[in-house]
Amino acid sequence: LHIMEINAEANPQESSEWFVKYLNRQGDWLEKTRGNLMVAATVIAGMSFQVIVNPPGGVWQSDNCPSGNQTNVVPVCKAKAGTSVLEYSSKRVLYLGMIVSSTVSFSASMSLLLLIISGLRLRNRMIMGILVTFMIAAVLCISAAFFFAMALVQSDDKIIIYVLTIYLGFWIVFPILILIIQLVGLFVFYVVVVVALVDDDLLDGYYR
């Protein structure tokens, strides 16, 4: 009887210790993810910056167009020296899409870095959710910027268009699959937490 009483007192404690260890493991995962997010955000910010300062097609070297007419009069181009050649081309829509995507990607990456180095407690799952949201936006936008850049520098080749179509379809389906997996994982996490809390309450009520 004495041994049964000892086990009865130990079981609730073991259950509580398991729950604390589980939360600690989640906190360790968040801290590890913090370092990964910082590295990834730095790389993506550099890629986004490079797209802006070195756009596909290059930049105008002077205010004058490179070729003149028969009277040797060189017409003045719309763009100025140092601006993108493709800015006023027939692919202006693709160029603007690339600029917007790169800007959003760069802003999301720098915001994420600012949050990480600000000293906020990242063991808070809500804060980590914000960081992951910024990273998802950065990754999706830099992928979109690559799509627009590739479309800018290609001709009307059917093979390249086919490759771009596959690429676009992949980046539509793949994020949706990740979202579904994350939602399922989040649901399982909360189920585990609720079950652990219910078990603790039942054990406490039974052994009192």
N, C-alpha and C. Protein backbone atom coordinates (compact mmCIF):
# COMPACT_ATOMS: atom_id res chain seq x y z
N LEU A 1 0.83 -1.21 0.00
CA LEU A 1 0.00 0.00 0.00
C LEU A 1 0.86 1.25 0.00
N HIS A 2 1.95 1.19 0.74
CA HIS A 2 2.85 2.33 0.81
C HIS A 2 3.49 2.58 -0.56
N ILE A 3 3.85 1.53 -1.26
CA ILE A 3 4.45 1.67 -2.59
C ILE A 3 3.46 2.29 -3.57
N MET A 4 2.18 1.88 -3.49
CA MET A 4 1.15 2.43 -4.36
C MET A 4 0.97 3.92 -4.11
N GLU A 5 1.05 4.34 -2.84
CA GLU A 5 0.92 5.76 -2.54
C GLU A 5 2.08 6.56 -3.12
N ILE A 6 3.29 5.96 -3.06
CA ILE A 6 4.46 6.66 -3.62
C ILE A 6 4.31 6.82 -5.13
N ASN A 7 3.84 5.75 -5.80
CA ASN A 7 3.65 5.82 -7.24
C ASN A 7 2.56 6.83 -7.61
N ALA A 8 1.52 6.88 -6.78
CA ALA A 8 0.44 7.82 -7.03
C ALA A 8 0.91 9.25 -6.94
N GLU A 9 1.82 9.51 -5.98
CA GLU A 9 2.35 10.86 -5.85
C GLU A 9 3.34 11.17 -6.97
N ALA A 10 4.01 10.16 -7.50
CA ALA A 10 5.03 10.39 -8.52
C ALA A 10 4.43 10.58 -9.89
N ASN A 11 3.30 9.92 -10.18
CA ASN A 11 2.75 9.97 -11.53
C ASN A 11 2.39 11.39 -11.98
N PRO A 12 1.68 12.17 -11.17
CA PRO A 12 1.39 13.55 -11.59
C PRO A 12 2.66 14.35 -11.81
N GLN A 13 3.68 14.12 -10.98
CA GLN A 13 4.92 14.86 -11.13
C GLN A 13 5.62 14.49 -12.44
N GLU A 14 5.62 13.18 -12.76
CA GLU A 14 6.23 12.76 -14.01
C GLU A 14 5.49 13.34 -15.21
N SER A 15 4.15 13.38 -15.13
CA SER A 15 3.38 13.95 -16.22
C SER A 15 3.68 15.42 -16.41
N SER A 16 3.79 16.17 -15.31
CA SER A 16 4.11 17.59 -15.38
C SER A 16 5.52 17.80 -15.93
N GLU A 17 6.47 16.95 -15.50
CA GLU A 17 7.83 17.06 -16.00
C GLU A 17 7.89 16.79 -17.49
N TRP A 18 7.09 15.84 -17.98
CA TRP A 18 7.06 15.56 -19.41
C TRP A 18 6.55 16.77 -20.19
N PHE A 19 5.53 17.42 -19.65
CA PHE A 19 4.96 18.58 -20.32
C PHE A 19 5.97 19.73 -20.36
N VAL A 20 6.71 19.92 -19.27
CA VAL A 20 7.72 20.97 -19.23
C VAL A 20 8.84 20.68 -20.22
N LYS A 21 9.26 19.42 -20.29
CA LYS A 21 10.30 19.05 -21.24
C LYS A 21 9.84 19.26 -22.68
N TYR A 22 8.56 18.96 -22.92
CA TYR A 22 8.02 19.16 -24.28
C TYR A 22 8.07 20.64 -24.66
N LEU A 23 7.67 21.50 -23.74
CA LEU A 23 7.71 22.94 -24.02
C LEU A 23 9.14 23.43 -24.19
N ASN A 24 10.07 22.86 -23.41
CA ASN A 24 11.47 23.24 -23.55
C ASN A 24 12.02 22.85 -24.92
N ARG A 25 11.61 21.67 -25.39
CA ARG A 25 12.05 21.25 -26.72
C ARG A 25 11.51 22.19 -27.80
N GLN A 26 10.26 22.63 -27.62
CA GLN A 26 9.70 23.59 -28.57
C GLN A 26 10.47 24.90 -28.54
N GLY A 27 10.85 25.33 -27.34
CA GLY A 27 11.63 26.56 -27.22
C GLY A 27 13.00 26.43 -27.85
N ASP A 28 13.64 25.27 -27.68
CA ASP A 28 14.94 25.04 -28.32
C ASP A 28 14.81 25.08 -29.84
N TRP A 29 13.71 24.51 -30.35
CA TRP A 29 13.50 24.54 -31.81
C TRP A 29 13.35 25.97 -32.30
N LEU A 30 12.66 26.79 -31.53
CA LEU A 30 12.49 28.19 -31.92
C LEU A 30 13.83 28.92 -31.95
N GLU A 31 14.68 28.66 -30.96
CA GLU A 31 15.98 29.32 -30.91
C GLU A 31 16.84 28.88 -32.09
N LYS A 32 16.80 27.60 -32.44
CA LYS A 32 17.56 27.12 -33.60
C LYS A 32 17.03 27.74 -34.88
N THR A 33 15.72 27.85 -34.97
CA THR A 33 15.12 28.46 -36.16
C THR A 33 15.48 29.93 -36.27
N ARG A 34 15.69 30.57 -35.15
CA ARG A 34 16.09 31.98 -35.16
C ARG A 34 17.39 32.16 -35.94
N GLY A 35 18.39 31.33 -35.67
CA GLY A 35 19.65 31.43 -36.39
C GLY A 35 19.49 31.14 -37.87
N ASN A 36 18.69 30.13 -38.20
CA ASN A 36 18.45 29.79 -39.61
C ASN A 36 17.75 30.93 -40.33
N LEU A 37 16.78 31.55 -39.66
CA LEU A 37 16.06 32.66 -40.27
C LEU A 37 16.98 33.85 -40.53
N MET A 38 17.90 34.11 -39.62
CA MET A 38 18.82 35.23 -39.80
C MET A 38 19.72 35.01 -41.01
N VAL A 39 20.24 33.79 -41.15
CA VAL A 39 21.09 33.48 -42.30
C VAL A 39 20.30 33.59 -43.60
N ALA A 40 19.11 32.99 -43.62
CA ALA A 40 18.30 33.01 -44.83
C ALA A 40 17.88 34.43 -45.20
N ALA A 41 17.51 35.23 -44.18
CA ALA A 41 17.08 36.60 -44.44
C ALA A 41 18.23 37.43 -45.00
N THR A 42 19.44 37.21 -44.51
CA THR A 42 20.60 37.94 -45.01
C THR A 42 20.86 37.62 -46.48
N VAL A 43 20.79 36.33 -46.82
CA VAL A 43 21.02 35.91 -48.20
C VAL A 43 19.95 36.49 -49.13
N ILE A 44 18.69 36.40 -48.73
CA ILE A 44 17.60 36.90 -49.57
C ILE A 44 17.67 38.41 -49.73
N ALA A 45 18.04 39.12 -48.66
CA ALA A 45 18.18 40.58 -48.76
C ALA A 45 19.27 40.95 -49.76
N GLY A 46 20.38 40.19 -49.74
CA GLY A 46 21.45 40.45 -50.70
C GLY A 46 21.01 40.19 -52.13
N MET A 47 20.25 39.10 -52.34
CA MET A 47 19.74 38.79 -53.67
C MET A 47 18.79 39.88 -54.16
N SER A 48 17.91 40.33 -53.29
CA SER A 48 16.94 41.36 -53.68
C SER A 48 17.64 42.67 -54.01
N PHE A 49 18.63 43.01 -53.22
CA PHE A 49 19.39 44.25 -53.48
C PHE A 49 20.12 44.18 -54.81
N GLN A 50 20.68 43.01 -55.11
CA GLN A 50 21.42 42.84 -56.36
C GLN A 50 20.52 42.99 -57.57
N VAL A 51 19.29 42.49 -57.48
CA VAL A 51 18.35 42.61 -58.60
C VAL A 51 18.04 44.07 -58.89
N ILE A 52 17.95 44.89 -57.85
CA ILE A 52 17.61 46.30 -58.03
C ILE A 52 18.77 47.08 -58.63
N VAL A 53 19.98 46.90 -58.10
CA VAL A 53 21.13 47.70 -58.55
C VAL A 53 21.72 47.16 -59.85
N ASN A 54 21.43 45.91 -60.20
CA ASN A 54 21.94 45.33 -61.44
C ASN A 54 20.81 44.61 -62.16
N PRO A 55 19.85 45.36 -62.72
CA PRO A 55 18.66 44.74 -63.33
C PRO A 55 19.01 44.02 -64.62
N PRO A 56 18.19 43.05 -65.03
CA PRO A 56 18.41 42.37 -66.30
C PRO A 56 18.41 43.36 -67.47
N GLY A 57 19.32 43.17 -68.41
CA GLY A 57 19.43 44.09 -69.54
C GLY A 57 20.38 45.24 -69.30
N GLY A 58 20.82 45.42 -68.04
CA GLY A 58 21.76 46.48 -67.75
C GLY A 58 21.11 47.84 -67.60
N VAL A 59 21.95 48.88 -67.56
CA VAL A 59 21.48 50.26 -67.39
C VAL A 59 22.05 51.11 -68.52
N TRP A 60 21.40 52.24 -68.76
CA TRP A 60 21.89 53.17 -69.76
C TRP A 60 23.22 53.78 -69.29
N GLN A 61 24.16 53.87 -70.22
CA GLN A 61 25.48 54.43 -69.89
C GLN A 61 25.53 55.95 -70.08
N SER A 62 24.57 56.48 -70.83
CA SER A 62 24.52 57.93 -71.05
C SER A 62 23.08 58.34 -71.31
N ASP A 63 22.86 59.63 -71.44
CA ASP A 63 21.52 60.13 -71.71
C ASP A 63 21.13 60.01 -73.17
N ASN A 64 22.07 59.65 -74.03
CA ASN A 64 21.81 59.54 -75.46
C ASN A 64 21.67 58.08 -75.87
N CYS A 65 20.85 57.83 -76.88
CA CYS A 65 20.70 56.48 -77.41
C CYS A 65 22.00 56.06 -78.09
N PRO A 66 22.30 54.78 -78.11
CA PRO A 66 23.58 54.32 -78.65
C PRO A 66 23.74 54.49 -80.14
N SER A 67 22.67 54.66 -80.91
CA SER A 67 22.80 54.78 -82.36
C SER A 67 22.11 56.06 -82.85
N GLY A 68 22.61 56.64 -83.93
CA GLY A 68 22.04 57.86 -84.49
C GLY A 68 21.40 57.58 -85.84
N ASN A 69 20.88 58.63 -86.46
CA ASN A 69 20.25 58.48 -87.77
C ASN A 69 21.19 58.94 -88.87
N GLN A 70 20.67 59.12 -90.10
CA GLN A 70 21.52 59.47 -91.24
C GLN A 70 22.11 60.87 -91.13
N THR A 71 21.48 61.75 -90.41
CA THR A 71 21.99 63.11 -90.25
C THR A 71 22.95 63.24 -89.06
N ASN A 72 23.33 62.05 -88.51
CA ASN A 72 24.26 62.02 -87.37
C ASN A 72 23.72 62.73 -86.14
N VAL A 73 22.39 62.82 -86.07
CA VAL A 73 21.76 63.41 -84.89
C VAL A 73 21.33 62.27 -83.97
N VAL A 74 21.87 62.26 -82.78
CA VAL A 74 21.57 61.19 -81.82
C VAL A 74 20.35 61.58 -81.01
N PRO A 75 19.23 60.84 -81.12
CA PRO A 75 18.03 61.20 -80.36
C PRO A 75 18.21 60.96 -78.87
N VAL A 76 17.53 61.74 -78.09
CA VAL A 76 17.60 61.61 -76.64
C VAL A 76 16.66 60.50 -76.19
N CYS A 77 17.16 59.57 -75.39
CA CYS A 77 16.34 58.45 -74.91
C CYS A 77 15.44 58.91 -73.77
N LYS A 78 14.40 58.14 -73.52
CA LYS A 78 13.51 58.45 -72.41
C LYS A 78 14.21 58.26 -71.08
N ALA A 79 15.04 57.23 -70.99
CA ALA A 79 15.72 56.93 -69.73
C ALA A 79 16.97 57.80 -69.58
N LYS A 80 17.41 57.93 -68.35
CA LYS A 80 18.62 58.68 -68.03
C LYS A 80 19.75 57.71 -67.73
N ALA A 81 20.95 58.25 -67.73
CA ALA A 81 22.12 57.42 -67.45
C ALA A 81 22.01 56.80 -66.05
N GLY A 82 22.26 55.50 -66.01
CA GLY A 82 22.19 54.78 -64.74
C GLY A 82 20.86 54.13 -64.47
N THR A 83 19.86 54.41 -65.32
CA THR A 83 18.54 53.78 -65.14
C THR A 83 18.45 52.53 -66.00
N SER A 84 17.48 51.68 -65.70
CA SER A 84 17.36 50.39 -66.37
C SER A 84 16.97 50.55 -67.84
N VAL A 85 17.59 49.74 -68.69
CA VAL A 85 17.28 49.76 -70.11
C VAL A 85 15.86 49.26 -70.36
N LEU A 86 15.42 48.25 -69.61
CA LEU A 86 14.11 47.64 -69.83
C LEU A 86 12.96 48.38 -69.15
N GLU A 87 13.26 49.49 -68.49
CA GLU A 87 12.22 50.20 -67.75
C GLU A 87 11.12 50.71 -68.68
N TYR A 88 11.50 51.18 -69.87
CA TYR A 88 10.53 51.73 -70.82
C TYR A 88 10.41 50.85 -72.07
N SER A 89 10.71 49.57 -71.93
CA SER A 89 10.63 48.65 -73.06
C SER A 89 9.21 48.10 -73.18
N SER A 90 9.04 47.20 -74.14
CA SER A 90 7.73 46.57 -74.34
C SER A 90 7.39 45.60 -73.21
N LYS A 91 8.38 45.24 -72.38
CA LYS A 91 8.16 44.33 -71.25
C LYS A 91 8.11 45.09 -69.93
N ARG A 92 7.56 46.28 -69.99
CA ARG A 92 7.52 47.13 -68.79
C ARG A 92 6.73 46.47 -67.66
N VAL A 93 5.66 45.74 -67.98
CA VAL A 93 4.86 45.09 -66.93
C VAL A 93 5.69 44.06 -66.17
N LEU A 94 6.47 43.26 -66.90
CA LEU A 94 7.34 42.28 -66.25
C LEU A 94 8.41 42.98 -65.41
N TYR A 95 8.93 44.09 -65.93
CA TYR A 95 9.93 44.84 -65.18
C TYR A 95 9.36 45.37 -63.87
N LEU A 96 8.16 45.94 -63.94
CA LEU A 96 7.54 46.46 -62.72
C LEU A 96 7.24 45.33 -61.73
N GLY A 97 6.82 44.16 -62.24
CA GLY A 97 6.60 43.02 -61.36
C GLY A 97 7.86 42.60 -60.66
N MET A 98 8.99 42.60 -61.38
CA MET A 98 10.27 42.26 -60.77
C MET A 98 10.67 43.27 -59.69
N ILE A 99 10.46 44.56 -59.97
CA ILE A 99 10.82 45.60 -59.00
C ILE A 99 9.97 45.49 -57.73
N VAL A 100 8.67 45.31 -57.90
CA VAL A 100 7.77 45.20 -56.74
C VAL A 100 8.12 43.96 -55.92
N SER A 101 8.33 42.83 -56.58
CA SER A 101 8.66 41.59 -55.87
C SER A 101 9.97 41.72 -55.11
N SER A 102 10.97 42.30 -55.75
CA SER A 102 12.27 42.47 -55.09
C SER A 102 12.18 43.43 -53.90
N THR A 103 11.39 44.49 -54.06
CA THR A 103 11.23 45.46 -52.97
C THR A 103 10.55 44.83 -51.76
N VAL A 104 9.48 44.07 -52.01
CA VAL A 104 8.78 43.40 -50.90
C VAL A 104 9.69 42.37 -50.24
N SER A 105 10.43 41.62 -51.04
CA SER A 105 11.34 40.61 -50.50
C SER A 105 12.43 41.26 -49.64
N PHE A 106 13.01 42.36 -50.14
CA PHE A 106 14.05 43.05 -49.38
C PHE A 106 13.49 43.64 -48.09
N SER A 107 12.30 44.23 -48.16
CA SER A 107 11.69 44.83 -46.97
C SER A 107 11.36 43.76 -45.93
N ALA A 108 10.81 42.62 -46.37
CA ALA A 108 10.48 41.55 -45.43
C ALA A 108 11.74 40.99 -44.77
N SER A 109 12.80 40.82 -45.55
CA SER A 109 14.05 40.28 -45.01
C SER A 109 14.67 41.23 -43.99
N MET A 110 14.71 42.51 -44.31
CA MET A 110 15.30 43.48 -43.38
C MET A 110 14.44 43.64 -42.13
N SER A 111 13.12 43.57 -42.28
CA SER A 111 12.24 43.63 -41.10
C SER A 111 12.48 42.44 -40.20
N LEU A 112 12.67 41.27 -40.80
CA LEU A 112 12.94 40.07 -40.02
C LEU A 112 14.27 40.20 -39.28
N LEU A 113 15.30 40.69 -39.96
CA LEU A 113 16.59 40.88 -39.29
C LEU A 113 16.47 41.89 -38.14
N LEU A 114 15.70 42.94 -38.36
CA LEU A 114 15.51 43.94 -37.30
C LEU A 114 14.83 43.34 -36.08
N LEU A 115 13.83 42.49 -36.30
CA LEU A 115 13.15 41.84 -35.18
C LEU A 115 14.08 40.90 -34.43
N ILE A 116 14.94 40.20 -35.17
CA ILE A 116 15.83 39.24 -34.54
C ILE A 116 16.87 39.94 -33.68
N ILE A 117 17.46 41.03 -34.20
CA ILE A 117 18.53 41.71 -33.46
C ILE A 117 17.99 42.70 -32.43
N SER A 118 16.67 42.87 -32.36
CA SER A 118 16.10 43.82 -31.41
C SER A 118 16.08 43.30 -29.97
N GLY A 119 16.33 41.99 -29.80
CA GLY A 119 16.37 41.43 -28.46
C GLY A 119 15.05 40.90 -27.95
N LEU A 120 14.04 40.79 -28.81
CA LEU A 120 12.76 40.23 -28.39
C LEU A 120 12.91 38.75 -28.06
N ARG A 121 12.10 38.28 -27.11
CA ARG A 121 12.13 36.87 -26.72
C ARG A 121 11.46 36.05 -27.81
N LEU A 122 12.28 35.27 -28.53
CA LEU A 122 11.77 34.49 -29.64
C LEU A 122 11.19 33.15 -29.20
N ARG A 123 11.24 32.84 -27.91
CA ARG A 123 10.62 31.61 -27.42
C ARG A 123 9.09 31.75 -27.40
N ASN A 124 8.64 33.00 -27.54
CA ASN A 124 7.21 33.24 -27.69
C ASN A 124 6.78 32.79 -29.07
N ARG A 125 5.82 31.88 -29.14
CA ARG A 125 5.42 31.31 -30.43
C ARG A 125 4.76 32.34 -31.34
N MET A 126 4.14 33.35 -30.77
CA MET A 126 3.53 34.38 -31.60
C MET A 126 4.59 35.19 -32.32
N ILE A 127 5.67 35.56 -31.61
CA ILE A 127 6.76 36.29 -32.23
C ILE A 127 7.39 35.45 -33.33
N MET A 128 7.56 34.17 -33.06
CA MET A 128 8.15 33.30 -34.07
C MET A 128 7.24 33.17 -35.28
N GLY A 129 5.94 33.18 -35.04
CA GLY A 129 5.00 33.14 -36.16
C GLY A 129 5.14 34.37 -37.05
N ILE A 130 5.37 35.53 -36.43
CA ILE A 130 5.58 36.76 -37.21
C ILE A 130 6.85 36.65 -38.04
N LEU A 131 7.91 36.11 -37.44
CA LEU A 131 9.17 35.97 -38.17
C LEU A 131 9.01 35.01 -39.35
N VAL A 132 8.33 33.91 -39.11
CA VAL A 132 8.12 32.94 -40.19
C VAL A 132 7.28 33.55 -41.31
N THR A 133 6.30 34.38 -40.94
CA THR A 133 5.48 35.04 -41.94
C THR A 133 6.32 35.96 -42.82
N PHE A 134 7.21 36.74 -42.20
CA PHE A 134 8.11 37.59 -42.96
C PHE A 134 8.99 36.76 -43.89
N MET A 135 9.49 35.62 -43.39
CA MET A 135 10.37 34.80 -44.21
C MET A 135 9.61 34.19 -45.39
N ILE A 136 8.38 33.75 -45.14
CA ILE A 136 7.57 33.20 -46.24
C ILE A 136 7.35 34.27 -47.31
N ALA A 137 7.04 35.49 -46.89
CA ALA A 137 6.84 36.58 -47.85
C ALA A 137 8.12 36.86 -48.63
N ALA A 138 9.27 36.82 -47.95
CA ALA A 138 10.55 37.09 -48.62
C ALA A 138 10.86 36.01 -49.65
N VAL A 139 10.65 34.74 -49.27
CA VAL A 139 10.96 33.64 -50.18
C VAL A 139 10.04 33.66 -51.40
N LEU A 140 8.76 33.85 -51.17
CA LEU A 140 7.81 33.86 -52.29
C LEU A 140 8.07 35.04 -53.23
N CYS A 141 8.40 36.19 -52.66
CA CYS A 141 8.63 37.36 -53.51
C CYS A 141 9.94 37.27 -54.28
N ILE A 142 10.99 36.71 -53.68
CA ILE A 142 12.24 36.57 -54.43
C ILE A 142 12.09 35.52 -55.51
N SER A 143 11.23 34.52 -55.27
CA SER A 143 10.93 33.52 -56.31
C SER A 143 10.16 34.18 -57.45
N ALA A 144 9.22 35.07 -57.11
CA ALA A 144 8.48 35.80 -58.13
C ALA A 144 9.40 36.73 -58.91
N ALA A 145 10.35 37.36 -58.22
CA ALA A 145 11.30 38.25 -58.89
C ALA A 145 12.15 37.47 -59.90
N PHE A 146 12.53 36.24 -59.53
CA PHE A 146 13.28 35.40 -60.46
C PHE A 146 12.43 35.08 -61.70
N PHE A 147 11.16 34.79 -61.47
CA PHE A 147 10.26 34.50 -62.59
C PHE A 147 10.17 35.69 -63.54
N PHE A 148 9.97 36.89 -62.99
CA PHE A 148 9.87 38.08 -63.83
C PHE A 148 11.18 38.38 -64.55
N ALA A 149 12.31 38.18 -63.85
CA ALA A 149 13.61 38.43 -64.47
C ALA A 149 13.86 37.46 -65.61
N MET A 150 13.51 36.19 -65.40
CA MET A 150 13.69 35.19 -66.45
C MET A 150 12.80 35.49 -67.65
N ALA A 151 11.58 35.94 -67.38
CA ALA A 151 10.67 36.30 -68.47
C ALA A 151 11.16 37.53 -69.21
N LEU A 152 11.87 38.43 -68.52
CA LEU A 152 12.37 39.64 -69.16
C LEU A 152 13.46 39.35 -70.18
N VAL A 153 14.36 38.43 -69.86
CA VAL A 153 15.53 38.22 -70.70
C VAL A 153 15.35 37.11 -71.73
N GLN A 154 14.18 36.47 -71.77
CA GLN A 154 13.97 35.41 -72.75
C GLN A 154 13.16 35.91 -73.94
N SER A 155 13.34 35.23 -75.07
CA SER A 155 12.54 35.55 -76.25
C SER A 155 11.26 34.71 -76.21
N ASP A 156 10.59 34.61 -77.30
CA ASP A 156 9.34 33.84 -77.35
C ASP A 156 9.61 32.37 -77.65
N ASP A 157 10.63 31.82 -77.04
CA ASP A 157 10.97 30.42 -77.24
C ASP A 157 9.96 29.53 -76.50
N LYS A 158 9.43 28.53 -77.19
CA LYS A 158 8.39 27.68 -76.60
C LYS A 158 8.92 26.86 -75.44
N ILE A 159 10.16 26.41 -75.53
CA ILE A 159 10.73 25.60 -74.45
C ILE A 159 10.86 26.43 -73.18
N ILE A 160 11.35 27.66 -73.32
CA ILE A 160 11.52 28.53 -72.15
C ILE A 160 10.16 28.88 -71.56
N ILE A 161 9.19 29.14 -72.41
CA ILE A 161 7.84 29.42 -71.91
C ILE A 161 7.29 28.22 -71.15
N TYR A 162 7.56 27.01 -71.65
CA TYR A 162 7.12 25.79 -70.97
C TYR A 162 7.78 25.66 -69.60
N VAL A 163 9.09 25.96 -69.55
CA VAL A 163 9.81 25.90 -68.28
C VAL A 163 9.25 26.93 -67.30
N LEU A 164 8.97 28.13 -67.77
CA LEU A 164 8.40 29.16 -66.91
C LEU A 164 7.02 28.76 -66.39
N THR A 165 6.25 28.08 -67.23
CA THR A 165 4.92 27.63 -66.81
C THR A 165 5.03 26.60 -65.70
N ILE A 166 5.96 25.65 -65.84
CA ILE A 166 6.19 24.65 -64.80
C ILE A 166 6.66 25.31 -63.51
N TYR A 167 7.58 26.25 -63.65
CA TYR A 167 8.10 26.98 -62.48
C TYR A 167 6.99 27.71 -61.74
N LEU A 168 6.14 28.39 -62.49
CA LEU A 168 5.03 29.12 -61.87
C LEU A 168 4.06 28.18 -61.18
N GLY A 169 3.74 27.06 -61.84
CA GLY A 169 2.84 26.09 -61.22
C GLY A 169 3.41 25.50 -59.95
N PHE A 170 4.72 25.24 -59.95
CA PHE A 170 5.37 24.69 -58.75
C PHE A 170 5.24 25.64 -57.58
N TRP A 171 5.50 26.94 -57.83
CA TRP A 171 5.46 27.91 -56.73
C TRP A 171 4.05 28.32 -56.34
N ILE A 172 3.06 27.80 -57.04
CA ILE A 172 1.68 27.97 -56.60
C ILE A 172 1.25 26.79 -55.74
N VAL A 173 1.62 25.58 -56.17
CA VAL A 173 1.19 24.37 -55.47
C VAL A 173 2.02 24.13 -54.20
N PHE A 174 3.34 24.31 -54.29
CA PHE A 174 4.23 23.98 -53.18
C PHE A 174 3.93 24.77 -51.90
N PRO A 175 3.75 26.11 -51.96
CA PRO A 175 3.40 26.84 -50.74
C PRO A 175 2.07 26.39 -50.13
N ILE A 176 1.12 26.01 -50.99
CA ILE A 176 -0.17 25.54 -50.47
C ILE A 176 0.02 24.25 -49.69
N LEU A 177 0.84 23.34 -50.21
CA LEU A 177 1.12 22.09 -49.49
C LEU A 177 1.81 22.37 -48.15
N ILE A 178 2.76 23.29 -48.15
CA ILE A 178 3.44 23.64 -46.90
C ILE A 178 2.45 24.22 -45.90
N LEU A 179 1.54 25.07 -46.37
CA LEU A 179 0.54 25.66 -45.48
C LEU A 179 -0.34 24.59 -44.86
N ILE A 180 -0.75 23.62 -45.67
CA ILE A 180 -1.59 22.53 -45.14
C ILE A 180 -0.83 21.72 -44.10
N ILE A 181 0.45 21.41 -44.38
CA ILE A 181 1.27 20.65 -43.42
C ILE A 181 1.44 21.42 -42.12
N GLN A 182 1.67 22.74 -42.23
CA GLN A 182 1.84 23.56 -41.03
C GLN A 182 0.56 23.61 -40.20
N LEU A 183 -0.57 23.72 -40.87
CA LEU A 183 -1.84 23.76 -40.15
C LEU A 183 -2.09 22.43 -39.43
N VAL A 184 -1.78 21.33 -40.10
CA VAL A 184 -1.94 20.01 -39.46
C VAL A 184 -1.00 19.88 -38.26
N GLY A 185 0.25 20.31 -38.44
CA GLY A 185 1.20 20.26 -37.32
C GLY A 185 0.77 21.12 -36.16
N LEU A 186 0.24 22.32 -36.46
CA LEU A 186 -0.24 23.20 -35.39
C LEU A 186 -1.41 22.59 -34.65
N PHE A 187 -2.31 21.95 -35.40
CA PHE A 187 -3.45 21.29 -34.78
C PHE A 187 -3.01 20.15 -33.88
N VAL A 188 -2.05 19.35 -34.34
CA VAL A 188 -1.53 18.23 -33.53
C VAL A 188 -0.85 18.76 -32.28
N PHE A 189 -0.12 19.86 -32.40
CA PHE A 189 0.57 20.44 -31.24
C PHE A 189 -0.43 20.84 -30.16
N TYR A 190 -1.49 21.53 -30.54
CA TYR A 190 -2.47 21.97 -29.56
C TYR A 190 -3.25 20.79 -28.98
N VAL A 191 -3.48 19.76 -29.78
CA VAL A 191 -4.12 18.57 -29.26
C VAL A 191 -3.26 17.92 -28.19
N VAL A 192 -1.95 17.83 -28.45
CA VAL A 192 -1.03 17.25 -27.47
C VAL A 192 -1.03 18.06 -26.18
N VAL A 193 -1.01 19.39 -26.32
CA VAL A 193 -1.01 20.24 -25.13
C VAL A 193 -2.30 20.08 -24.34
N VAL A 194 -3.43 20.07 -25.02
CA VAL A 194 -4.72 19.93 -24.33
C VAL A 194 -4.81 18.58 -23.64
N VAL A 195 -4.37 17.52 -24.31
CA VAL A 195 -4.41 16.19 -23.69
C VAL A 195 -3.52 16.14 -22.46
N ALA A 196 -2.34 16.77 -22.54
CA ALA A 196 -1.43 16.78 -21.39
C ALA A 196 -2.05 17.52 -20.21
N LEU A 197 -2.69 18.65 -20.50
CA LEU A 197 -3.33 19.41 -19.42
C LEU A 197 -4.50 18.65 -18.81
N VAL A 198 -5.29 18.01 -19.65
CA VAL A 198 -6.42 17.22 -19.15
C VAL A 198 -5.94 16.06 -18.31
N ASP A 199 -4.88 15.40 -18.76
CA ASP A 199 -4.32 14.28 -17.98
C ASP A 199 -3.84 14.75 -16.63
N ASP A 200 -3.19 15.90 -16.59
CA ASP A 200 -2.72 16.44 -15.31
C ASP A 200 -3.89 16.72 -14.38
N ASP A 201 -4.95 17.32 -14.92
CA ASP A 201 -6.12 17.62 -14.09
C ASP A 201 -6.78 16.35 -13.58
N LEU A 202 -6.88 15.34 -14.42
CA LEU A 202 -7.50 14.09 -14.01
C LEU A 202 -6.67 13.39 -12.94
N LEU A 203 -5.35 13.41 -13.14
CA LEU A 203 -4.48 12.75 -12.15
C LEU A 203 -4.53 13.49 -10.82
N ASP A 204 -4.53 14.81 -10.88
CA ASP A 204 -4.61 15.59 -9.63
C ASP A 204 -5.92 15.32 -8.91
N GLY A 205 -7.02 15.27 -9.66
CA GLY A 205 -8.32 14.98 -9.02
C GLY A 205 -8.42 13.56 -8.50
N TYR A 206 -7.76 12.62 -9.16
CA TYR A 206 -7.87 11.22 -8.74
C TYR A 206 -7.05 10.92 -7.49
N TYR A 207 -5.87 11.57 -7.40
CA TYR A 207 -4.97 11.25 -6.28
C TYR A 207 -5.17 12.16 -5.07
N ARG A 208 -6.09 13.09 -5.14
CA ARG A 208 -6.34 13.91 -3.96
C ARG A 208 -7.17 13.16 -2.95
